[in-house]
């Protein structure tokens, strides 16, 4: 099966718009996904693609003293393939979108994920770029875990990364089952002087599943040899019962009195 292009998530979300949910069961592509979340984490589906992020977080209110704001969130997405299909692979599409608007401070977001029921396979385990003033990067941290990081720290600067400028992913998770789940958690941090409000719109982490035809259900009918053996045993038992009944009818009661002549 061909590998889907990495641009699928970013382009579809940009063109089709967001279908953001908090706690719901929705159908997208060829799967149904049940999503439950806490805090500010969100999920967005478009076609067969799905992305996970966190809502915008603002710093301290304008005119207040210097300070910081921290928000956390969590989300679980449980996927079930449509009837007649199983999931083959779950491709990691990478990171898309994101805004940092910085006053005299900085803002960052981190999203961690774990694919429950899949093992990562791919040529790269790191992607993106980072420097003193900004970062957009992802890293595969284990057989089924990964993390993404987004940061802006240059004062009096706003950076907007639209969905046409993604950080590409690499590789996929082997699934081979009709269902699996993804668990995610997020932490978002903003600090500024309070003169005006800094904010961050975290990046989206994207995935895209592929499918195979589900195998036919296994038959519960015994094999031909086993069936024939069971039939022979049944016939043998029936014949034995008949012989026992015949013996009972032809036996003589030796204790009965002889007939009077």
C-alpha atoms as a PDB file:
ATOM      1  CA  UNK A   1       0.000   0.000   0.000  1.00  0.00           C
ATOM      2  CA  UNK A   2       1.351   3.412  -0.976  1.00  0.00           C
ATOM      3  CA  UNK A   3       2.558   5.791   1.692  1.00  0.00           C
ATOM      4  CA  UNK A   4       0.270   8.846   2.029  1.00  0.00           C
ATOM      5  CA  UNK A   5       1.888  12.239   1.379  1.00  0.00           C
ATOM      6  CA  UNK A   6       2.962  14.201   4.430  1.00  0.00           C
ATOM      7  CA  UNK A   7       1.107  17.280   3.175  1.00  0.00           C
ATOM      8  CA  UNK A   8      -2.258  15.555   3.565  1.00  0.00           C
ATOM      9  CA  UNK A   9      -2.983  16.844   7.063  1.00  0.00           C
ATOM     10  CA  UNK A  10      -1.810  20.410   6.570  1.00  0.00           C
ATOM     11  CA  UNK A  11      -3.467  20.976   3.209  1.00  0.00           C
ATOM     12  CA  UNK A  12      -6.774  19.326   4.075  1.00  0.00           C
ATOM     13  CA  UNK A  13      -7.098  21.201   7.363  1.00  0.00           C
ATOM     14  CA  UNK A  14      -6.244  24.470   5.653  1.00  0.00           C
ATOM     15  CA  UNK A  15      -8.741  23.976   2.818  1.00  0.00           C
ATOM     16  CA  UNK A  16     -11.564  22.175   4.570  1.00  0.00           C
ATOM     17  CA  UNK A  17     -11.422  23.925   7.933  1.00  0.00           C
ATOM     18  CA  UNK A  18     -11.492  22.481  11.414  1.00  0.00           C
ATOM     19  CA  UNK A  19     -13.943  20.032  12.900  1.00  0.00           C
ATOM     20  CA  UNK A  20     -12.867  20.448  16.503  1.00  0.00           C
ATOM     21  CA  UNK A  21     -14.320  18.257  19.245  1.00  0.00           C
ATOM     22  CA  UNK A  22     -13.847  17.926  22.984  1.00  0.00           C
ATOM     23  CA  UNK A  23     -15.762  14.804  23.969  1.00  0.00           C
ATOM     24  CA  UNK A  24     -17.499  13.070  21.140  1.00  0.00           C
ATOM     25  CA  UNK A  25     -17.669  10.075  18.819  1.00  0.00           C
ATOM     26  CA  UNK A  26     -17.225  11.023  15.188  1.00  0.00           C
ATOM     27  CA  UNK A  27     -16.622   9.298  11.876  1.00  0.00           C
ATOM     28  CA  UNK A  28     -13.727  10.411   9.676  1.00  0.00           C
ATOM     29  CA  UNK A  29     -12.262   8.726   6.617  1.00  0.00           C
ATOM     30  CA  UNK A  30     -12.775   4.993   7.147  1.00  0.00           C
ATOM     31  CA  UNK A  31     -12.768   4.957  10.949  1.00  0.00           C
ATOM     32  CA  UNK A  32     -14.763   6.029  13.963  1.00  0.00           C
ATOM     33  CA  UNK A  33     -12.883   7.798  16.730  1.00  0.00           C
ATOM     34  CA  UNK A  34     -14.079   8.353  20.276  1.00  0.00           C
ATOM     35  CA  UNK A  35     -12.378  11.373  21.812  1.00  0.00           C
ATOM     36  CA  UNK A  36     -12.317  12.397  25.453  1.00  0.00           C
ATOM     37  CA  UNK A  37     -10.259  15.328  26.680  1.00  0.00           C
ATOM     38  CA  UNK A  38      -9.464  17.375  29.749  1.00  0.00           C
ATOM     39  CA  UNK A  39      -7.910  20.813  29.983  1.00  0.00           C
ATOM     40  CA  UNK A  40      -7.351  22.635  26.705  1.00  0.00           C
ATOM     41  CA  UNK A  41      -6.460  19.767  24.384  1.00  0.00           C
ATOM     42  CA  UNK A  42      -8.354  19.520  21.110  1.00  0.00           C
ATOM     43  CA  UNK A  43      -8.708  17.160  18.156  1.00  0.00           C
ATOM     44  CA  UNK A  44      -9.414  18.106  14.548  1.00  0.00           C
ATOM     45  CA  UNK A  45     -10.370  15.726  11.730  1.00  0.00           C
ATOM     46  CA  UNK A  46     -10.430  16.356   8.001  1.00  0.00           C
ATOM     47  CA  UNK A  47     -10.895  13.486   5.587  1.00  0.00           C
ATOM     48  CA  UNK A  48      -8.767  10.597   6.759  1.00  0.00           C
ATOM     49  CA  UNK A  49      -6.348  12.822   8.716  1.00  0.00           C
ATOM     50  CA  UNK A  50      -6.494  13.724  12.391  1.00  0.00           C
ATOM     51  CA  UNK A  51      -4.522  16.309  14.350  1.00  0.00           C
ATOM     52  CA  UNK A  52      -4.132  17.013  18.059  1.00  0.00           C
ATOM     53  CA  UNK A  53      -3.270  20.342  19.664  1.00  0.00           C
ATOM     54  CA  UNK A  54      -3.991  22.676  22.576  1.00  0.00           C
ATOM     55  CA  UNK A  55      -6.055  25.827  22.649  1.00  0.00           C
ATOM     56  CA  UNK A  56      -4.455  29.280  22.580  1.00  0.00           C
ATOM     57  CA  UNK A  57      -2.969  30.344  25.895  1.00  0.00           C
ATOM     58  CA  UNK A  58      -2.558  34.015  26.867  1.00  0.00           C
ATOM     59  CA  UNK A  59      -0.047  35.446  29.321  1.00  0.00           C
ATOM     60  CA  UNK A  60      -0.833  37.813  32.181  1.00  0.00           C
ATOM     61  CA  UNK A  61      -3.368  40.589  31.647  1.00  0.00           C
ATOM     62  CA  UNK A  62      -2.101  43.897  30.247  1.00  0.00           C
ATOM     63  CA  UNK A  63      -1.134  46.453  32.847  1.00  0.00           C
ATOM     64  CA  UNK A  64      -0.406  43.881  35.529  1.00  0.00           C
ATOM     65  CA  UNK A  65       2.891  42.927  37.116  1.00  0.00           C
ATOM     66  CA  UNK A  66       5.243  40.515  35.345  1.00  0.00           C
ATOM     67  CA  UNK A  67       4.104  36.935  35.598  1.00  0.00           C
ATOM     68  CA  UNK A  68       3.472  33.634  33.869  1.00  0.00           C
ATOM     69  CA  UNK A  69       0.614  31.326  32.950  1.00  0.00           C
ATOM     70  CA  UNK A  70       0.785  27.531  32.691  1.00  0.00           C
ATOM     71  CA  UNK A  71      -1.931  25.248  31.322  1.00  0.00           C
ATOM     72  CA  UNK A  72      -1.983  21.472  30.942  1.00  0.00           C
ATOM     73  CA  UNK A  73      -4.295  19.053  29.169  1.00  0.00           C
ATOM     74  CA  UNK A  74      -4.842  15.426  28.247  1.00  0.00           C
ATOM     75  CA  UNK A  75      -6.714  13.563  25.539  1.00  0.00           C
ATOM     76  CA  UNK A  76      -7.475   9.964  24.596  1.00  0.00           C
ATOM     77  CA  UNK A  77      -8.587   8.999  21.097  1.00  0.00           C
ATOM     78  CA  UNK A  78      -9.884   5.453  20.497  1.00  0.00           C
ATOM     79  CA  UNK A  79     -10.024   4.397  16.831  1.00  0.00           C
ATOM     80  CA  UNK A  80     -12.222   1.667  15.326  1.00  0.00           C
ATOM     81  CA  UNK A  81     -11.948   0.772  11.639  1.00  0.00           C
ATOM     82  CA  UNK A  82     -15.062   0.533   9.487  1.00  0.00           C
ATOM     83  CA  UNK A  83     -16.611  -2.893   8.991  1.00  0.00           C
ATOM     84  CA  UNK A  84     -14.537  -5.098   6.694  1.00  0.00           C
ATOM     85  CA  UNK A  85     -11.298  -3.202   7.398  1.00  0.00           C
ATOM     86  CA  UNK A  86      -8.398  -3.277   9.830  1.00  0.00           C
ATOM     87  CA  UNK A  87      -5.773  -0.620  10.380  1.00  0.00           C
ATOM     88  CA  UNK A  88      -2.532  -1.359   8.577  1.00  0.00           C
ATOM     89  CA  UNK A  89      -0.289   1.565   9.538  1.00  0.00           C
ATOM     90  CA  UNK A  90      -0.613   4.904  11.315  1.00  0.00           C
ATOM     91  CA  UNK A  91       1.633   7.435   9.565  1.00  0.00           C
ATOM     92  CA  UNK A  92       3.119  10.278  11.596  1.00  0.00           C
ATOM     93  CA  UNK A  93       2.546  13.418   9.549  1.00  0.00           C
ATOM     94  CA  UNK A  94       4.553  15.836  11.669  1.00  0.00           C
ATOM     95  CA  UNK A  95       3.690  19.310  12.975  1.00  0.00           C
ATOM     96  CA  UNK A  96       1.598  22.069  11.414  1.00  0.00           C
ATOM     97  CA  UNK A  97       0.430  25.571  12.231  1.00  0.00           C
ATOM     98  CA  UNK A  98       1.227  27.536  15.381  1.00  0.00           C
ATOM     99  CA  UNK A  99       1.686  31.164  16.474  1.00  0.00           C
ATOM    100  CA  UNK A 100       3.935  32.834  19.043  1.00  0.00           C
ATOM    101  CA  UNK A 101       3.360  36.512  19.887  1.00  0.00           C
ATOM    102  CA  UNK A 102       5.982  37.620  22.378  1.00  0.00           C
ATOM    103  CA  UNK A 103       6.302  40.781  24.415  1.00  0.00           C
ATOM    104  CA  UNK A 104       9.191  40.773  26.940  1.00  0.00           C
ATOM    105  CA  UNK A 105       9.152  37.081  27.750  1.00  0.00           C
ATOM    106  CA  UNK A 106       8.567  33.801  25.979  1.00  0.00           C
ATOM    107  CA  UNK A 107       6.071  31.053  25.251  1.00  0.00           C
ATOM    108  CA  UNK A 108       6.348  27.325  24.687  1.00  0.00           C
ATOM    109  CA  UNK A 109       4.196  24.226  24.287  1.00  0.00           C
ATOM    110  CA  UNK A 110       4.951  20.531  24.512  1.00  0.00           C
ATOM    111  CA  UNK A 111       2.690  17.677  23.394  1.00  0.00           C
ATOM    112  CA  UNK A 112       3.576  14.066  24.209  1.00  0.00           C
ATOM    113  CA  UNK A 113       1.855  11.074  22.634  1.00  0.00           C
ATOM    114  CA  UNK A 114       1.690   7.297  22.999  1.00  0.00           C
ATOM    115  CA  UNK A 115       0.222   4.964  20.382  1.00  0.00           C
ATOM    116  CA  UNK A 116      -1.364   2.097  22.308  1.00  0.00           C
ATOM    117  CA  UNK A 117      -1.200  -0.888  19.974  1.00  0.00           C
ATOM    118  CA  UNK A 118       1.488   0.197  17.521  1.00  0.00           C
ATOM    119  CA  UNK A 119       5.282   0.139  17.124  1.00  0.00           C
ATOM    120  CA  UNK A 120       7.191   2.916  15.356  1.00  0.00           C
ATOM    121  CA  UNK A 121       9.174   2.190  12.211  1.00  0.00           C
ATOM    122  CA  UNK A 122      10.981   4.869  10.224  1.00  0.00           C
ATOM    123  CA  UNK A 123      14.305   6.245   9.008  1.00  0.00           C
ATOM    124  CA  UNK A 124      14.320   9.299  11.302  1.00  0.00           C
ATOM    125  CA  UNK A 125      13.504   9.848  14.963  1.00  0.00           C
ATOM    126  CA  UNK A 126      13.919  13.651  14.991  1.00  0.00           C
ATOM    127  CA  UNK A 127      12.724  16.480  12.806  1.00  0.00           C
ATOM    128  CA  UNK A 128      12.480  20.251  12.848  1.00  0.00           C
ATOM    129  CA  UNK A 129      14.809  23.018  13.955  1.00  0.00           C
ATOM    130  CA  UNK A 130      15.638  25.024  17.058  1.00  0.00           C
ATOM    131  CA  UNK A 131      17.720  28.020  18.089  1.00  0.00           C
ATOM    132  CA  UNK A 132      17.976  30.456  20.974  1.00  0.00           C
ATOM    133  CA  UNK A 133      14.937  32.407  19.794  1.00  0.00           C
ATOM    134  CA  UNK A 134      12.519  29.760  18.482  1.00  0.00           C
ATOM    135  CA  UNK A 135      11.954  26.034  17.998  1.00  0.00           C
ATOM    136  CA  UNK A 136       9.618  23.710  16.095  1.00  0.00           C
ATOM    137  CA  UNK A 137      10.689  20.118  16.555  1.00  0.00           C
ATOM    138  CA  UNK A 138       9.499  16.551  17.165  1.00  0.00           C
ATOM    139  CA  UNK A 139      11.251  13.451  18.476  1.00  0.00           C
ATOM    140  CA  UNK A 140      10.387   9.756  18.637  1.00  0.00           C
ATOM    141  CA  UNK A 141      11.210   8.849  22.236  1.00  0.00           C
ATOM    142  CA  UNK A 142      10.355   5.134  22.296  1.00  0.00           C
ATOM    143  CA  UNK A 143       8.785   2.224  20.447  1.00  0.00           C
ATOM    144  CA  UNK A 144       5.335   3.803  20.733  1.00  0.00           C
ATOM    145  CA  UNK A 145       5.984   7.293  22.187  1.00  0.00           C
ATOM    146  CA  UNK A 146       6.925  10.705  20.857  1.00  0.00           C
ATOM    147  CA  UNK A 147       7.019  14.397  21.761  1.00  0.00           C
ATOM    148  CA  UNK A 148       6.754  17.770  20.036  1.00  0.00           C
ATOM    149  CA  UNK A 149       8.061  21.159  21.151  1.00  0.00           C
ATOM    150  CA  UNK A 150       7.187  24.686  20.041  1.00  0.00           C
ATOM    151  CA  UNK A 151       8.907  27.796  21.417  1.00  0.00           C
ATOM    152  CA  UNK A 152       9.176  31.510  20.778  1.00  0.00           C
ATOM    153  CA  UNK A 153      11.496  33.728  22.802  1.00  0.00           C
ATOM    154  CA  UNK A 154      12.434  36.757  20.680  1.00  0.00           C
ATOM    155  CA  UNK A 155      10.999  39.911  22.229  1.00  0.00           C
ATOM    156  CA  UNK A 156       8.439  42.050  20.407  1.00  0.00           C
ATOM    157  CA  UNK A 157       8.067  39.514  17.631  1.00  0.00           C
ATOM    158  CA  UNK A 158       5.120  37.549  16.280  1.00  0.00           C
ATOM    159  CA  UNK A 159       5.701  34.392  14.244  1.00  0.00           C
ATOM    160  CA  UNK A 160       2.839  32.770  12.345  1.00  0.00           C
ATOM    161  CA  UNK A 161       3.329  29.272  10.929  1.00  0.00           C
ATOM    162  CA  UNK A 162       0.359  28.461   8.724  1.00  0.00           C
ATOM    163  CA  UNK A 163      -0.634  24.965   7.658  1.00  0.00           C
ATOM    164  CA  UNK A 164       1.266  25.299   4.386  1.00  0.00           C
ATOM    165  CA  UNK A 165       4.557  25.329   6.291  1.00  0.00           C
ATOM    166  CA  UNK A 166       4.584  22.048   8.229  1.00  0.00           C
ATOM    167  CA  UNK A 167       7.470  20.280   9.906  1.00  0.00           C
ATOM    168  CA  UNK A 168       7.333  16.921   8.129  1.00  0.00           C
ATOM    169  CA  UNK A 169       7.071  13.667  10.042  1.00  0.00           C
ATOM    170  CA  UNK A 170       8.832  10.428   9.235  1.00  0.00           C
ATOM    171  CA  UNK A 171       7.760   6.803   9.495  1.00  0.00           C
ATOM    172  CA  UNK A 172       4.693   5.053  10.802  1.00  0.00           C
ATOM    173  CA  UNK A 173       3.324   2.863  13.569  1.00  0.00           C
ATOM    174  CA  UNK A 174       2.473  -0.748  12.677  1.00  0.00           C
ATOM    175  CA  UNK A 175      -1.076  -1.461  13.858  1.00  0.00           C
ATOM    176  CA  UNK A 176      -2.529  -4.580  12.202  1.00  0.00           C
ATOM    177  CA  UNK A 177      -5.744  -4.530  14.231  1.00  0.00           C
ATOM    178  CA  UNK A 178      -9.319  -3.281  13.998  1.00  0.00           C
ATOM    179  CA  UNK A 179      -8.856  -0.831  16.874  1.00  0.00           C
ATOM    180  CA  UNK A 180      -6.183   1.062  18.803  1.00  0.00           C
ATOM    181  CA  UNK A 181      -5.869   4.274  20.819  1.00  0.00           C
ATOM    182  CA  UNK A 182      -3.621   7.307  21.203  1.00  0.00           C
ATOM    183  CA  UNK A 183      -3.004   8.964  24.575  1.00  0.00           C
ATOM    184  CA  UNK A 184      -1.693  12.535  24.631  1.00  0.00           C
ATOM    185  CA  UNK A 185      -0.824  15.175  27.200  1.00  0.00           C
ATOM    186  CA  UNK A 186       0.135  18.828  26.806  1.00  0.00           C
ATOM    187  CA  UNK A 187       1.797  21.602  28.784  1.00  0.00           C
ATOM    188  CA  UNK A 188       1.769  25.247  27.661  1.00  0.00           C
ATOM    189  CA  UNK A 189       3.723  28.108  29.247  1.00  0.00           C
ATOM    190  CA  UNK A 190       3.641  31.879  28.679  1.00  0.00           C
ATOM    191  CA  UNK A 191       5.610  34.558  30.517  1.00  0.00           C
ATOM    192  CA  UNK A 192       5.736  38.332  29.932  1.00  0.00           C
ATOM    193  CA  UNK A 193       6.192  41.689  31.642  1.00  0.00           C
ATOM    194  CA  UNK A 194       2.525  42.553  31.778  1.00  0.00           C
ATOM    195  CA  UNK A 195       2.805  45.592  29.530  1.00  0.00           C
ATOM    196  CA  UNK A 196       0.752  43.761  26.902  1.00  0.00           C
ATOM    197  CA  UNK A 197      -0.244  40.136  26.668  1.00  0.00           C
ATOM    198  CA  UNK A 198       1.945  37.542  25.008  1.00  0.00           C
ATOM    199  CA  UNK A 199       0.251  34.400  23.690  1.00  0.00           C
ATOM    200  CA  UNK A 200       0.882  31.095  21.937  1.00  0.00           C
ATOM    201  CA  UNK A 201      -1.215  28.919  19.624  1.00  0.00           C
ATOM    202  CA  UNK A 202       0.447  25.472  19.887  1.00  0.00           C
ATOM    203  CA  UNK A 203       1.342  23.374  16.882  1.00  0.00           C
ATOM    204  CA  UNK A 204      -0.860  20.501  15.724  1.00  0.00           C
ATOM    205  CA  UNK A 205       0.505  16.916  15.778  1.00  0.00           C
ATOM    206  CA  UNK A 206      -0.825  14.980  12.780  1.00  0.00           C
ATOM    207  CA  UNK A 207      -1.497  11.321  11.976  1.00  0.00           C
ATOM    208  CA  UNK A 208      -2.982   9.472   9.001  1.00  0.00           C
ATOM    209  CA  UNK A 209      -4.068   5.792   9.035  1.00  0.00           C
ATOM    210  CA  UNK A 210      -4.051   3.288   6.168  1.00  0.00           C
ATOM    211  CA  UNK A 211      -6.092   0.084   5.939  1.00  0.00           C
ATOM    212  CA  UNK A 212      -6.213  -3.545   4.888  1.00  0.00           C
ATOM    213  CA  UNK A 213      -9.185  -5.832   4.270  1.00  0.00           C
ATOM    214  CA  UNK A 214     -10.159  -7.631   7.452  1.00  0.00           C
ATOM    215  CA  UNK A 215      -9.440 -11.384   7.418  1.00  0.00           C
ATOM    216  CA  UNK A 216     -12.509 -13.638   7.098  1.00  0.00           C
ATOM    217  CA  UNK A 217     -13.900 -14.950  10.387  1.00  0.00           C
ATOM    218  CA  UNK A 218     -12.582 -18.351  11.457  1.00  0.00           C
ATOM    219  CA  UNK A 219     -15.015 -21.284  10.963  1.00  0.00           C
ATOM    220  CA  UNK A 220     -16.348 -23.133  14.011  1.00  0.00           C
ATOM    221  CA  UNK A 221     -17.321 -26.272  11.979  1.00  0.00           C
ATOM    222  CA  UNK A 222     -15.055 -29.296  12.811  1.00  0.00           C
ATOM    223  CA  UNK A 223     -12.751 -30.584  10.108  1.00  0.00           C
ATOM    224  CA  UNK A 224     -13.981 -33.429   7.823  1.00  0.00           C
ATOM    225  CA  UNK A 225     -11.827 -36.067   9.508  1.00  0.00           C
ATOM    226  CA  UNK A 226     -12.997 -35.067  12.955  1.00  0.00           C
ATOM    227  CA  UNK A 227     -16.622 -35.062  11.823  1.00  0.00           C
ATOM    228  CA  UNK A 228     -16.332 -38.598  10.393  1.00  0.00           C
ATOM    229  CA  UNK A 229     -14.735 -39.861  13.610  1.00  0.00           C
ATOM    230  CA  UNK A 230     -17.531 -38.395  15.706  1.00  0.00           C
ATOM    231  CA  UNK A 231     -20.153 -40.023  13.466  1.00  0.00           C
ATOM    232  CA  UNK A 232     -18.482 -43.466  13.779  1.00  0.00           C
ATOM    233  CA  UNK A 233     -18.369 -43.154  17.561  1.00  0.00           C
ATOM    234  CA  UNK A 234     -22.036 -42.242  17.623  1.00  0.00           C
ATOM    235  CA  UNK A 235     -23.007 -45.238  15.460  1.00  0.00           C
ATOM    236  CA  UNK A 236     -20.943 -47.605  17.597  1.00  0.00           C
ATOM    237  CA  UNK A 237     -22.670 -46.342  20.739  1.00  0.00           C
ATOM    238  CA  UNK A 238     -26.100 -46.755  19.180  1.00  0.00           C
ATOM    239  CA  UNK A 239     -25.331 -50.342  18.153  1.00  0.00           C
ATOM    240  CA  UNK A 240     -24.202 -51.170  21.710  1.00  0.00           C
ATOM    241  CA  UNK A 241     -27.449 -49.851  23.154  1.00  0.00           C
ATOM    242  CA  UNK A 242     -29.454 -51.972  20.756  1.00  0.00           C
ATOM    243  CA  UNK A 243     -27.533 -55.144  21.698  1.00  0.00           C
ATOM    244  CA  UNK A 244     -28.133 -54.487  25.399  1.00  0.00           C
ATOM    245  CA  UNK A 245     -31.846 -54.056  24.792  1.00  0.00           C
ATOM    246  CA  UNK A 246     -31.970 -57.299  22.757  1.00  0.00           C
ATOM    247  CA  UNK A 247     -30.184 -59.259  25.502  1.00  0.00           C
ATOM    248  CA  UNK A 248     -32.726 -58.085  28.053  1.00  0.00           C
ATOM    249  CA  UNK A 249     -35.644 -59.350  25.989  1.00  0.00           C
ATOM    250  CA  UNK A 250     -34.214 -62.918  25.410  1.00  0.00           C
ATOM    251  CA  UNK A 251     -32.984 -63.687  28.977  1.00  0.00           C
ATOM    252  CA  UNK A 252     -34.629 -66.383  31.159  1.00  0.00           C
ATOM    253  CA  UNK A 253     -35.589 -65.859  34.799  1.00  0.00           C
ATOM    254  CA  UNK A 254     -34.120 -68.931  36.536  1.00  0.00           C
ATOM    255  CA  UNK A 255     -35.877 -68.046  39.764  1.00  0.00           C
ATOM    256  CA  UNK A 256     -39.374 -68.236  38.328  1.00  0.00           C
ATOM    257  CA  UNK A 257     -41.488 -71.353  39.058  1.00  0.00           C
ATOM    258  CA  UNK A 258     -41.689 -74.076  36.410  1.00  0.00           C
ATOM    259  CA  UNK A 259     -45.022 -74.304  34.670  1.00  0.00           C
ATOM    260  CA  UNK A 260     -47.451 -76.966  36.083  1.00  0.00           C
ATOM    261  CA  UNK A 261     -48.046 -79.692  33.627  1.00  0.00           C
END
